Amino acid sequence: DEPTGNLDPETSAGIMQLLLDISKSGRSVLMATHDYSLFNKFPSRTLK
């Protein structure tokens, strides 16, 4: 739930990559966010 909301852009990108890696290991990851800028860099299913 808004896991990058209190973080700077570089740190946020690192957290996003961690969550992506977790999903690649077979776990489902559902993330809520209002930060649209991050998702151009990370493949995900995006729902607005």
ModelCIF file with pLDDT and N, C-alpha, C, O atoms, coordinates in Angstrom:
data_MODEL
#
_entry.id   MODEL 
#
_entity.id                         1 
_entity.type                       polymer 
_entity.pdbx_number_of_molecules   1 
#
_entity_poly.entity_id                      1 
_entity_poly.type                           'polypeptide(L)' 
_entity_poly.nstd_linkage                   no 
_entity_poly.nstd_monomer                   no 
_entity_poly.pdbx_seq_one_letter_code       DEPTGNLDPETSAGIMQLLLDISKSGRSVLMATHDYSLFNKFPSRTLK 
_entity_poly.pdbx_seq_one_letter_code_can   DEPTGNLDPETSAGIMQLLLDISKSGRSVLMATHDYSLFNKFPSRTLK 
_entity_poly.pdbx_strand_id                 A 
#
loop_
_entity_poly_seq.entity_id 
_entity_poly_seq.num 
_entity_poly_seq.mon_id 
_entity_poly_seq.hetero 
1 1  ASP n 
1 2  GLU n 
1 3  PRO n 
1 4  THR n 
1 5  GLY n 
1 6  ASN n 
1 7  LEU n 
1 8  ASP n 
1 9  PRO n 
1 10 GLU n 
1 11 THR n 
1 12 SER n 
1 13 ALA n 
1 14 GLY n 
1 15 ILE n 
1 16 MET n 
1 17 GLN n 
1 18 LEU n 
1 19 LEU n 
1 20 LEU n 
1 21 ASP n 
1 22 ILE n 
1 23 SER n 
1 24 LYS n 
1 25 SER n 
1 26 GLY n 
1 27 ARG n 
1 28 SER n 
1 29 VAL n 
1 30 LEU n 
1 31 MET n 
1 32 ALA n 
1 33 THR n 
1 34 HIS n 
1 35 ASP n 
1 36 TYR n 
1 37 SER n 
1 38 LEU n 
1 39 PHE n 
1 40 ASN n 
1 41 LYS n 
1 42 PHE n 
1 43 PRO n 
1 44 SER n 
1 45 ARG n 
1 46 THR n 
1 47 LEU n 
1 48 LYS n 
#
_struct_asym.id          A 
_struct_asym.entity_id   1 
#
loop_
_ma_qa_metric.id 
_ma_qa_metric.mode 
_ma_qa_metric.name 
_ma_qa_metric.software_group_id 
_ma_qa_metric.type 
1 global pLDDT . pLDDT 
2 local  pLDDT . pLDDT 
#
_ma_qa_metric_global.metric_id      1 
_ma_qa_metric_global.metric_value   83.17 
_ma_qa_metric_global.model_id       1 
_ma_qa_metric_global.ordinal_id     1 
#
loop_
_ma_qa_metric_local.label_asym_id 
_ma_qa_metric_local.label_comp_id 
_ma_qa_metric_local.label_seq_id 
_ma_qa_metric_local.metric_id 
_ma_qa_metric_local.metric_value 
_ma_qa_metric_local.model_id 
_ma_qa_metric_local.ordinal_id 
A ASP 1  2 91.00 1 1  
A GLU 2  2 88.00 1 2  
A PRO 3  2 88.00 1 3  
A THR 4  2 85.00 1 4  
A GLY 5  2 82.00 1 5  
A ASN 6  2 79.00 1 6  
A LEU 7  2 84.00 1 7  
A ASP 8  2 86.00 1 8  
A PRO 9  2 85.00 1 9  
A GLU 10 2 86.00 1 10 
A THR 11 2 86.00 1 11 
A SER 12 2 85.00 1 12 
A ALA 13 2 86.00 1 13 
A GLY 14 2 87.00 1 14 
A ILE 15 2 87.00 1 15 
A MET 16 2 86.00 1 16 
A GLN 17 2 87.00 1 17 
A LEU 18 2 88.00 1 18 
A LEU 19 2 89.00 1 19 
A LEU 20 2 88.00 1 20 
A ASP 21 2 89.00 1 21 
A ILE 22 2 90.00 1 22 
A SER 23 2 90.00 1 23 
A LYS 24 2 90.00 1 24 
A SER 25 2 89.00 1 25 
A GLY 26 2 90.00 1 26 
A ARG 27 2 92.00 1 27 
A SER 28 2 94.00 1 28 
A VAL 29 2 94.00 1 29 
A LEU 30 2 93.00 1 30 
A MET 31 2 91.00 1 31 
A ALA 32 2 89.00 1 32 
A THR 33 2 85.00 1 33 
A HIS 34 2 80.00 1 34 
A ASP 35 2 75.00 1 35 
A TYR 36 2 72.00 1 36 
A SER 37 2 72.00 1 37 
A LEU 38 2 69.00 1 38 
A PHE 39 2 64.00 1 39 
A ASN 40 2 66.00 1 40 
A LYS 41 2 71.00 1 41 
A PHE 42 2 71.00 1 42 
A PRO 43 2 65.00 1 43 
A SER 44 2 73.00 1 44 
A ARG 45 2 82.00 1 45 
A THR 46 2 80.00 1 46 
A LEU 47 2 77.00 1 47 
A LYS 48 2 76.00 1 48 
#
loop_
_atom_site.group_PDB 
_atom_site.id 
_atom_site.type_symbol 
_atom_site.label_atom_id 
_atom_site.label_alt_id 
_atom_site.label_comp_id 
_atom_site.label_asym_id 
_atom_site.label_entity_id 
_atom_site.label_seq_id 
_atom_site.pdbx_PDB_ins_code 
_atom_site.Cartn_x 
_atom_site.Cartn_y 
_atom_site.Cartn_z 
_atom_site.occupancy 
_atom_site.B_iso_or_equiv 
_atom_site.pdbx_formal_charge 
_atom_site.auth_seq_id 
_atom_site.auth_comp_id 
_atom_site.auth_asym_id 
_atom_site.auth_atom_id 
_atom_site.pdbx_PDB_model_num 
ATOM 1   N N  . ASP A 1 1  ? 0.846  -1.197  0.000   1.00 91.00 ? 1  ASP A N  1 
ATOM 2   C CA . ASP A 1 1  ? 0.000  0.000   0.000   1.00 91.00 ? 1  ASP A CA 1 
ATOM 3   C C  . ASP A 1 1  ? 0.881  1.246   0.000   1.00 91.00 ? 1  ASP A C  1 
ATOM 4   O O  . ASP A 1 1  ? 1.442  1.612   1.033   1.00 91.00 ? 1  ASP A O  1 
ATOM 5   N N  . GLU A 1 2  ? 1.003  1.893   -1.147  1.00 88.00 ? 2  GLU A N  1 
ATOM 6   C CA . GLU A 1 2  ? 1.823  3.096   -1.309  1.00 88.00 ? 2  GLU A CA 1 
ATOM 7   C C  . GLU A 1 2  ? 3.234  2.870   -0.751  1.00 88.00 ? 2  GLU A C  1 
ATOM 8   O O  . GLU A 1 2  ? 3.691  3.672   0.062   1.00 88.00 ? 2  GLU A O  1 
ATOM 9   N N  . PRO A 1 3  ? 3.935  1.809   -1.159  1.00 88.00 ? 3  PRO A N  1 
ATOM 10  C CA . PRO A 1 3  ? 5.227  1.493   -0.533  1.00 88.00 ? 3  PRO A CA 1 
ATOM 11  C C  . PRO A 1 3  ? 6.338  2.474   -0.865  1.00 88.00 ? 3  PRO A C  1 
ATOM 12  O O  . PRO A 1 3  ? 7.382  2.458   -0.213  1.00 88.00 ? 3  PRO A O  1 
ATOM 13  N N  . THR A 1 4  ? 6.139  3.327   -1.864  1.00 85.00 ? 4  THR A N  1 
ATOM 14  C CA . THR A 1 4  ? 7.170  4.309   -2.226  1.00 85.00 ? 4  THR A CA 1 
ATOM 15  C C  . THR A 1 4  ? 6.751  5.734   -1.875  1.00 85.00 ? 4  THR A C  1 
ATOM 16  O O  . THR A 1 4  ? 7.428  6.693   -2.245  1.00 85.00 ? 4  THR A O  1 
ATOM 17  N N  . GLY A 1 5  ? 5.638  5.871   -1.165  1.00 82.00 ? 5  GLY A N  1 
ATOM 18  C CA . GLY A 1 5  ? 5.069  7.194   -0.929  1.00 82.00 ? 5  GLY A CA 1 
ATOM 19  C C  . GLY A 1 5  ? 5.967  8.138   -0.151  1.00 82.00 ? 5  GLY A C  1 
ATOM 20  O O  . GLY A 1 5  ? 5.877  9.353   -0.330  1.00 82.00 ? 5  GLY A O  1 
ATOM 21  N N  . ASN A 1 6  ? 6.839  7.608   0.717   1.00 79.00 ? 6  ASN A N  1 
ATOM 22  C CA . ASN A 1 6  ? 7.702  8.457   1.540   1.00 79.00 ? 6  ASN A CA 1 
ATOM 23  C C  . ASN A 1 6  ? 9.153  8.437   1.076   1.00 79.00 ? 6  ASN A C  1 
ATOM 24  O O  . ASN A 1 6  ? 10.048 8.846   1.817   1.00 79.00 ? 6  ASN A O  1 
ATOM 25  N N  . LEU A 1 7  ? 9.394  7.961   -0.154  1.00 84.00 ? 7  LEU A N  1 
ATOM 26  C CA . LEU A 1 7  ? 10.759 7.749   -0.609  1.00 84.00 ? 7  LEU A CA 1 
ATOM 27  C C  . LEU A 1 7  ? 11.107 8.639   -1.803  1.00 84.00 ? 7  LEU A C  1 
ATOM 28  O O  . LEU A 1 7  ? 10.228 9.076   -2.546  1.00 84.00 ? 7  LEU A O  1 
ATOM 29  N N  . ASP A 1 8  ? 12.398 8.896   -1.971  1.00 86.00 ? 8  ASP A N  1 
ATOM 30  C CA . ASP A 1 8  ? 12.855 9.672   -3.125  1.00 86.00 ? 8  ASP A CA 1 
ATOM 31  C C  . ASP A 1 8  ? 12.785 8.812   -4.380  1.00 86.00 ? 8  ASP A C  1 
ATOM 32  O O  . ASP A 1 8  ? 12.676 7.589   -4.284  1.00 86.00 ? 8  ASP A O  1 
ATOM 33  N N  . PRO A 1 9  ? 12.848 9.448   -5.588  1.00 85.00 ? 9  PRO A N  1 
ATOM 34  C CA . PRO A 1 9  ? 12.665 8.686   -6.844  1.00 85.00 ? 9  PRO A CA 1 
ATOM 35  C C  . PRO A 1 9  ? 13.627 7.520   -7.021  1.00 85.00 ? 9  PRO A C  1 
ATOM 36  O O  . PRO A 1 9  ? 13.219 6.445   -7.460  1.00 85.00 ? 9  PRO A O  1 
ATOM 37  N N  . GLU A 1 10 ? 14.896 7.716   -6.687  1.00 86.00 ? 10 GLU A N  1 
ATOM 38  C CA . GLU A 1 10 ? 15.875 6.636   -6.883  1.00 86.00 ? 10 GLU A CA 1 
ATOM 39  C C  . GLU A 1 10 ? 15.584 5.457   -5.963  1.00 86.00 ? 10 GLU A C  1 
ATOM 40  O O  . GLU A 1 10 ? 15.633 4.303   -6.389  1.00 86.00 ? 10 GLU A O  1 
ATOM 41  N N  . THR A 1 11 ? 15.279 5.750   -4.698  1.00 86.00 ? 11 THR A N  1 
ATOM 42  C CA . THR A 1 11 ? 14.951 4.694   -3.750  1.00 86.00 ? 11 THR A CA 1 
ATOM 43  C C  . THR A 1 11 ? 13.647 4.014   -4.143  1.00 86.00 ? 11 THR A C  1 
ATOM 44  O O  . THR A 1 11 ? 13.508 2.798   -4.010  1.00 86.00 ? 11 THR A O  1 
ATOM 45  N N  . SER A 1 12 ? 12.690 4.806   -4.629  1.00 85.00 ? 12 SER A N  1 
ATOM 46  C CA . SER A 1 12 ? 11.410 4.249   -5.072  1.00 85.00 ? 12 SER A CA 1 
ATOM 47  C C  . SER A 1 12 ? 11.607 3.239   -6.192  1.00 85.00 ? 12 SER A C  1 
ATOM 48  O O  . SER A 1 12 ? 10.981 2.179   -6.199  1.00 85.00 ? 12 SER A O  1 
ATOM 49  N N  . ALA A 1 13 ? 12.476 3.571   -7.137  1.00 86.00 ? 13 ALA A N  1 
ATOM 50  C CA . ALA A 1 13 ? 12.749 2.660   -8.249  1.00 86.00 ? 13 ALA A CA 1 
ATOM 51  C C  . ALA A 1 13 ? 13.349 1.351   -7.744  1.00 86.00 ? 13 ALA A C  1 
ATOM 52  O O  . ALA A 1 13 ? 13.048 0.283   -8.275  1.00 86.00 ? 13 ALA A O  1 
ATOM 53  N N  . GLY A 1 14 ? 14.198 1.432   -6.719  1.00 87.00 ? 14 GLY A N  1 
ATOM 54  C CA . GLY A 1 14 ? 14.775 0.223   -6.138  1.00 87.00 ? 14 GLY A CA 1 
ATOM 55  C C  . GLY A 1 14 ? 13.723 -0.656  -5.477  1.00 87.00 ? 14 GLY A C  1 
ATOM 56  O O  . GLY A 1 14 ? 13.774 -1.881  -5.585  1.00 87.00 ? 14 GLY A O  1 
ATOM 57  N N  . ILE A 1 15 ? 12.768 -0.030  -4.792  1.00 87.00 ? 15 ILE A N  1 
ATOM 58  C CA . ILE A 1 15 ? 11.694 -0.778  -4.144  1.00 87.00 ? 15 ILE A CA 1 
ATOM 59  C C  . ILE A 1 15 ? 10.795 -1.430  -5.196  1.00 87.00 ? 15 ILE A C  1 
ATOM 60  O O  . ILE A 1 15 ? 10.371 -2.575  -5.040  1.00 87.00 ? 15 ILE A O  1 
ATOM 61  N N  . MET A 1 16 ? 10.510 -0.686  -6.271  1.00 86.00 ? 16 MET A N  1 
ATOM 62  C CA . MET A 1 16 ? 9.708  -1.242  -7.360  1.00 86.00 ? 16 MET A CA 1 
ATOM 63  C C  . MET A 1 16 ? 10.376 -2.474  -7.962  1.00 86.00 ? 16 MET A C  1 
ATOM 64  O O  . MET A 1 16 ? 9.710  -3.463  -8.269  1.00 86.00 ? 16 MET A O  1 
ATOM 65  N N  . GLN A 1 17 ? 11.702 -2.407  -8.129  1.00 87.00 ? 17 GLN A N  1 
ATOM 66  C CA . GLN A 1 17 ? 12.428 -3.538  -8.702  1.00 87.00 ? 17 GLN A CA 1 
ATOM 67  C C  . GLN A 1 17 ? 12.377 -4.735  -7.764  1.00 87.00 ? 17 GLN A C  1 
ATOM 68  O O  . GLN A 1 17 ? 12.248 -5.873  -8.215  1.00 87.00 ? 17 GLN A O  1 
ATOM 69  N N  . LEU A 1 18 ? 12.477 -4.486  -6.460  1.00 88.00 ? 18 LEU A N  1 
ATOM 70  C CA . LEU A 1 18 ? 12.368 -5.575  -5.491  1.00 88.00 ? 18 LEU A CA 1 
ATOM 71  C C  . LEU A 1 18 ? 11.020 -6.282  -5.605  1.00 88.00 ? 18 LEU A C  1 
ATOM 72  O O  . LEU A 1 18 ? 10.955 -7.512  -5.607  1.00 88.00 ? 18 LEU A O  1 
ATOM 73  N N  . LEU A 1 19 ? 9.949  -5.502  -5.701  1.00 89.00 ? 19 LEU A N  1 
ATOM 74  C CA . LEU A 1 19 ? 8.613  -6.088  -5.816  1.00 89.00 ? 19 LEU A CA 1 
ATOM 75  C C  . LEU A 1 19 ? 8.458  -6.861  -7.125  1.00 89.00 ? 19 LEU A C  1 
ATOM 76  O O  . LEU A 1 19 ? 7.816  -7.911  -7.162  1.00 89.00 ? 19 LEU A O  1 
ATOM 77  N N  . LEU A 1 20 ? 9.050  -6.334  -8.195  1.00 88.00 ? 20 LEU A N  1 
ATOM 78  C CA . LEU A 1 20 ? 9.018  -7.045  -9.471  1.00 88.00 ? 20 LEU A CA 1 
ATOM 79  C C  . LEU A 1 20 ? 9.752  -8.377  -9.370  1.00 88.00 ? 20 LEU A C  1 
ATOM 80  O O  . LEU A 1 20 ? 9.272  -9.392  -9.874  1.00 88.00 ? 20 LEU A O  1 
ATOM 81  N N  . ASP A 1 21 ? 10.909 -8.375  -8.723  1.00 89.00 ? 21 ASP A N  1 
ATOM 82  C CA . ASP A 1 21 ? 11.677 -9.609  -8.546  1.00 89.00 ? 21 ASP A CA 1 
ATOM 83  C C  . ASP A 1 21 ? 10.887 -10.630 -7.722  1.00 89.00 ? 21 ASP A C  1 
ATOM 84  O O  . ASP A 1 21 ? 10.943 -11.831 -7.988  1.00 89.00 ? 21 ASP A O  1 
ATOM 85  N N  . ILE A 1 22 ? 10.158 -10.141 -6.727  1.00 90.00 ? 22 ILE A N  1 
ATOM 86  C CA . ILE A 1 22 ? 9.339  -11.031 -5.900  1.00 90.00 ? 22 ILE A CA 1 
ATOM 87  C C  . ILE A 1 22 ? 8.264  -11.706 -6.747  1.00 90.00 ? 22 ILE A C  1 
ATOM 88  O O  . ILE A 1 22 ? 8.012  -12.902 -6.603  1.00 90.00 ? 22 ILE A O  1 
ATOM 89  N N  . SER A 1 23 ? 7.634  -10.937 -7.628  1.00 90.00 ? 23 SER A N  1 
ATOM 90  C CA . SER A 1 23 ? 6.603  -11.529 -8.486  1.00 90.00 ? 23 SER A CA 1 
ATOM 91  C C  . SER A 1 23 ? 7.205  -12.555 -9.439  1.00 90.00 ? 23 SER A C  1 
ATOM 92  O O  . SER A 1 23 ? 6.564  -13.558 -9.754  1.00 90.00 ? 23 SER A O  1 
ATOM 93  N N  . LYS A 1 24 ? 8.421  -12.316 -9.897  1.00 90.00 ? 24 LYS A N  1 
ATOM 94  C CA . LYS A 1 24 ? 9.084  -13.267 -10.793 1.00 90.00 ? 24 LYS A CA 1 
ATOM 95  C C  . LYS A 1 24 ? 9.404  -14.575 -10.086 1.00 90.00 ? 24 LYS A C  1 
ATOM 96  O O  . LYS A 1 24 ? 9.602  -15.602 -10.736 1.00 90.00 ? 24 LYS A O  1 
ATOM 97  N N  . SER A 1 25 ? 9.455  -14.545 -8.749  1.00 89.00 ? 25 SER A N  1 
ATOM 98  C CA . SER A 1 25 ? 9.724  -15.770 -7.996  1.00 89.00 ? 25 SER A CA 1 
ATOM 99  C C  . SER A 1 25 ? 8.458  -16.601 -7.804  1.00 89.00 ? 25 SER A C  1 
ATOM 100 O O  . SER A 1 25 ? 8.499  -17.666 -7.187  1.00 89.00 ? 25 SER A O  1 
ATOM 101 N N  . GLY A 1 26 ? 7.315  -16.106 -8.341  1.00 90.00 ? 26 GLY A N  1 
ATOM 102 C CA . GLY A 1 26 ? 6.084  -16.885 -8.300  1.00 90.00 ? 26 GLY A CA 1 
ATOM 103 C C  . GLY A 1 26 ? 5.022  -16.372 -7.369  1.00 90.00 ? 26 GLY A C  1 
ATOM 104 O O  . GLY A 1 26 ? 3.915  -16.910 -7.335  1.00 90.00 ? 26 GLY A O  1 
ATOM 105 N N  . ARG A 1 27 ? 5.342  -15.321 -6.597  1.00 92.00 ? 27 ARG A N  1 
ATOM 106 C CA . ARG A 1 27 ? 4.325  -14.742 -5.723  1.00 92.00 ? 27 ARG A CA 1 
ATOM 107 C C  . ARG A 1 27 ? 3.527  -13.690 -6.485  1.00 92.00 ? 27 ARG A C  1 
ATOM 108 O O  . ARG A 1 27 ? 4.053  -13.027 -7.379  1.00 92.00 ? 27 ARG A O  1 
ATOM 109 N N  . SER A 1 28 ? 2.267  -13.545 -6.127  1.00 94.00 ? 28 SER A N  1 
ATOM 110 C CA . SER A 1 28 ? 1.459  -12.468 -6.690  1.00 94.00 ? 28 SER A CA 1 
ATOM 111 C C  . SER A 1 28 ? 1.724  -11.198 -5.885  1.00 94.00 ? 28 SER A C  1 
ATOM 112 O O  . SER A 1 28 ? 1.793  -11.239 -4.656  1.00 94.00 ? 28 SER A O  1 
ATOM 113 N N  . VAL A 1 29 ? 1.871  -10.072 -6.579  1.00 94.00 ? 29 VAL A N  1 
ATOM 114 C CA . VAL A 1 29 ? 2.104  -8.791  -5.929  1.00 94.00 ? 29 VAL A CA 1 
ATOM 115 C C  . VAL A 1 29 ? 1.037  -7.810  -6.407  1.00 94.00 ? 29 VAL A C  1 
ATOM 116 O O  . VAL A 1 29 ? 0.873  -7.593  -7.607  1.00 94.00 ? 29 VAL A O  1 
ATOM 117 N N  . LEU A 1 30 ? 0.318  -7.224  -5.459  1.00 93.00 ? 30 LEU A N  1 
ATOM 118 C CA . LEU A 1 30 ? -0.691 -6.216  -5.769  1.00 93.00 ? 30 LEU A CA 1 
ATOM 119 C C  . LEU A 1 30 ? -0.289 -4.937  -5.049  1.00 93.00 ? 30 LEU A C  1 
ATOM 120 O O  . LEU A 1 30 ? -0.185 -4.903  -3.823  1.00 93.00 ? 30 LEU A O  1 
ATOM 121 N N  . MET A 1 31 ? -0.066 -3.897  -5.825  1.00 91.00 ? 31 MET A N  1 
ATOM 122 C CA . MET A 1 31 ? 0.452  -2.649  -5.275  1.00 91.00 ? 31 MET A CA 1 
ATOM 123 C C  . MET A 1 31 ? -0.514 -1.514  -5.555  1.00 91.00 ? 31 MET A C  1 
ATOM 124 O O  . MET A 1 31 ? -0.981 -1.351  -6.682  1.00 91.00 ? 31 MET A O  1 
ATOM 125 N N  . ALA A 1 32 ? -0.817 -0.722  -4.521  1.00 89.00 ? 32 ALA A N  1 
ATOM 126 C CA . ALA A 1 32 ? -1.641 0.474   -4.682  1.00 89.00 ? 32 ALA A CA 1 
ATOM 127 C C  . ALA A 1 32 ? -0.734 1.696   -4.635  1.00 89.00 ? 32 ALA A C  1 
ATOM 128 O O  . ALA A 1 32 ? 0.137  1.794   -3.770  1.00 89.00 ? 32 ALA A O  1 
ATOM 129 N N  . THR A 1 33 ? -0.935 2.620   -5.557  1.00 85.00 ? 33 THR A N  1 
ATOM 130 C CA . THR A 1 33 ? -0.101 3.821   -5.594  1.00 85.00 ? 33 THR A CA 1 
ATOM 131 C C  . THR A 1 33 ? -0.807 4.947   -6.329  1.00 85.00 ? 33 THR A C  1 
ATOM 132 O O  . THR A 1 33 ? -1.693 4.712   -7.152  1.00 85.00 ? 33 THR A O  1 
ATOM 133 N N  . HIS A 1 34 ? -0.398 6.182   -6.018  1.00 80.00 ? 34 HIS A N  1 
ATOM 134 C CA . HIS A 1 34 ? -0.870 7.329   -6.785  1.00 80.00 ? 34 HIS A CA 1 
ATOM 135 C C  . HIS A 1 34 ? 0.254  7.900   -7.643  1.00 80.00 ? 34 HIS A C  1 
ATOM 136 O O  . HIS A 1 34 ? 0.068  8.917   -8.312  1.00 80.00 ? 34 HIS A O  1 
ATOM 137 N N  . ASP A 1 35 ? 1.432  7.248   -7.629  1.00 75.00 ? 35 ASP A N  1 
ATOM 138 C CA . ASP A 1 35 ? 2.605  7.747   -8.345  1.00 75.00 ? 35 ASP A CA 1 
ATOM 139 C C  . ASP A 1 35 ? 2.667  7.122   -9.736  1.00 75.00 ? 35 ASP A C  1 
ATOM 140 O O  . ASP A 1 35 ? 3.170  6.012   -9.908  1.00 75.00 ? 35 ASP A O  1 
ATOM 141 N N  . TYR A 1 36 ? 2.152  7.845   -10.718 1.00 72.00 ? 36 TYR A N  1 
ATOM 142 C CA . TYR A 1 36 ? 2.079  7.323   -12.079 1.00 72.00 ? 36 TYR A CA 1 
ATOM 143 C C  . TYR A 1 36 ? 3.448  7.270   -12.762 1.00 72.00 ? 36 TYR A C  1 
ATOM 144 O O  . TYR A 1 36 ? 3.622  6.538   -13.736 1.00 72.00 ? 36 TYR A O  1 
ATOM 145 N N  . SER A 1 37 ? 4.408  8.030   -12.266 1.00 72.00 ? 37 SER A N  1 
ATOM 146 C CA . SER A 1 37 ? 5.680  8.167   -12.968 1.00 72.00 ? 37 SER A CA 1 
ATOM 147 C C  . SER A 1 37 ? 6.514  6.891   -12.946 1.00 72.00 ? 37 SER A C  1 
ATOM 148 O O  . SER A 1 37 ? 7.365  6.695   -13.814 1.00 72.00 ? 37 SER A O  1 
ATOM 149 N N  . LEU A 1 38 ? 6.276  6.012   -11.952 1.00 69.00 ? 38 LEU A N  1 
ATOM 150 C CA . LEU A 1 38 ? 7.130  4.847   -11.790 1.00 69.00 ? 38 LEU A CA 1 
ATOM 151 C C  . LEU A 1 38 ? 6.880  3.754   -12.821 1.00 69.00 ? 38 LEU A C  1 
ATOM 152 O O  . LEU A 1 38 ? 7.793  3.002   -13.164 1.00 69.00 ? 38 LEU A O  1 
ATOM 153 N N  . PHE A 1 39 ? 5.650  3.663   -13.316 1.00 64.00 ? 39 PHE A N  1 
ATOM 154 C CA . PHE A 1 39 ? 5.264  2.444   -14.013 1.00 64.00 ? 39 PHE A CA 1 
ATOM 155 C C  . PHE A 1 39 ? 5.659  2.387   -15.481 1.00 64.00 ? 39 PHE A C  1 
ATOM 156 O O  . PHE A 1 39 ? 5.465  1.363   -16.136 1.00 64.00 ? 39 PHE A O  1 
ATOM 157 N N  . ASN A 1 40 ? 6.210  3.473   -16.000 1.00 66.00 ? 40 ASN A N  1 
ATOM 158 C CA . ASN A 1 40 ? 6.760  3.414   -17.348 1.00 66.00 ? 40 ASN A CA 1 
ATOM 159 C C  . ASN A 1 40 ? 8.023  2.565   -17.387 1.00 66.00 ? 40 ASN A C  1 
ATOM 160 O O  . ASN A 1 40 ? 8.419  2.074   -18.444 1.00 66.00 ? 40 ASN A O  1 
ATOM 161 N N  . LYS A 1 41 ? 8.658  2.394   -16.217 1.00 71.00 ? 41 LYS A N  1 
ATOM 162 C CA . LYS A 1 41 ? 9.936  1.689   -16.149 1.00 71.00 ? 41 LYS A CA 1 
ATOM 163 C C  . LYS A 1 41 ? 9.797  0.228   -15.751 1.00 71.00 ? 41 LYS A C  1 
ATOM 164 O O  . LYS A 1 41 ? 10.755 -0.539  -15.854 1.00 71.00 ? 41 LYS A O  1 
ATOM 165 N N  . PHE A 1 42 ? 8.606  -0.163  -15.295 1.00 71.00 ? 42 PHE A N  1 
ATOM 166 C CA . PHE A 1 42 ? 8.454  -1.502  -14.740 1.00 71.00 ? 42 PHE A CA 1 
ATOM 167 C C  . PHE A 1 42 ? 7.263  -2.214  -15.367 1.00 71.00 ? 42 PHE A C  1 
ATOM 168 O O  . PHE A 1 42 ? 6.152  -1.682  -15.372 1.00 71.00 ? 42 PHE A O  1 
ATOM 169 N N  . PRO A 1 43 ? 7.488  -3.418  -15.897 1.00 65.00 ? 43 PRO A N  1 
ATOM 170 C CA . PRO A 1 43 ? 6.374  -4.170  -16.488 1.00 65.00 ? 43 PRO A CA 1 
ATOM 171 C C  . PRO A 1 43 ? 5.410  -4.643  -15.414 1.00 65.00 ? 43 PRO A C  1 
ATOM 172 O O  . PRO A 1 43 ? 5.802  -5.352  -14.487 1.00 65.00 ? 43 PRO A O  1 
ATOM 173 N N  . SER A 1 44 ? 4.161  -4.256  -15.537 1.00 73.00 ? 44 SER A N  1 
ATOM 174 C CA . SER A 1 44 ? 3.160  -4.679  -14.570 1.00 73.00 ? 44 SER A CA 1 
ATOM 175 C C  . SER A 1 44 ? 1.791  -4.548  -15.207 1.00 73.00 ? 44 SER A C  1 
ATOM 176 O O  . SER A 1 44 ? 1.626  -3.882  -16.229 1.00 73.00 ? 44 SER A O  1 
ATOM 177 N N  . ARG A 1 45 ? 0.830  -5.180  -14.601 1.00 82.00 ? 45 ARG A N  1 
ATOM 178 C CA . ARG A 1 45 ? -0.556 -5.004  -14.991 1.00 82.00 ? 45 ARG A CA 1 
ATOM 179 C C  . ARG A 1 45 ? -1.051 -3.751  -14.292 1.00 82.00 ? 45 ARG A C  1 
ATOM 180 O O  . ARG A 1 45 ? -1.064 -3.698  -13.063 1.00 82.00 ? 45 ARG A O  1 
ATOM 181 N N  . THR A 1 46 ? -1.458 -2.746  -15.049 1.00 80.00 ? 46 THR A N  1 
ATOM 182 C CA . THR A 1 46 ? -1.785 -1.453  -14.469 1.00 80.00 ? 46 THR A CA 1 
ATOM 183 C C  . THR A 1 46 ? -3.270 -1.163  -14.588 1.00 80.00 ? 46 THR A C  1 
ATOM 184 O O  . THR A 1 46 ? -3.838 -1.211  -15.680 1.00 80.00 ? 46 THR A O  1 
ATOM 185 N N  . LEU A 1 47 ? -3.888 -0.864  -13.467 1.00 77.00 ? 47 LEU A N  1 
ATOM 186 C CA . LEU A 1 47 ? -5.309 -0.571  -13.396 1.00 77.00 ? 47 LEU A CA 1 
ATOM 187 C C  . LEU A 1 47 ? -5.484 0.799   -12.756 1.00 77.00 ? 47 LEU A C  1 
ATOM 188 O O  . LEU A 1 47 ? -4.931 1.068   -11.690 1.00 77.00 ? 47 LEU A O  1 
ATOM 189 N N  . LYS A 1 48 ? -6.246 1.654   -13.403 1.00 76.00 ? 48 LYS A N  1 
ATOM 190 C CA . LYS A 1 48 ? -6.419 3.029   -12.939 1.00 76.00 ? 48 LYS A CA 1 
ATOM 191 C C  . LYS A 1 48 ? -7.780 3.195   -12.282 1.00 76.00 ? 48 LYS A C  1 
ATOM 192 O O  . LYS A 1 48 ? -8.115 4.288   -11.825 1.00 76.00 ? 48 LYS A O  1 
#
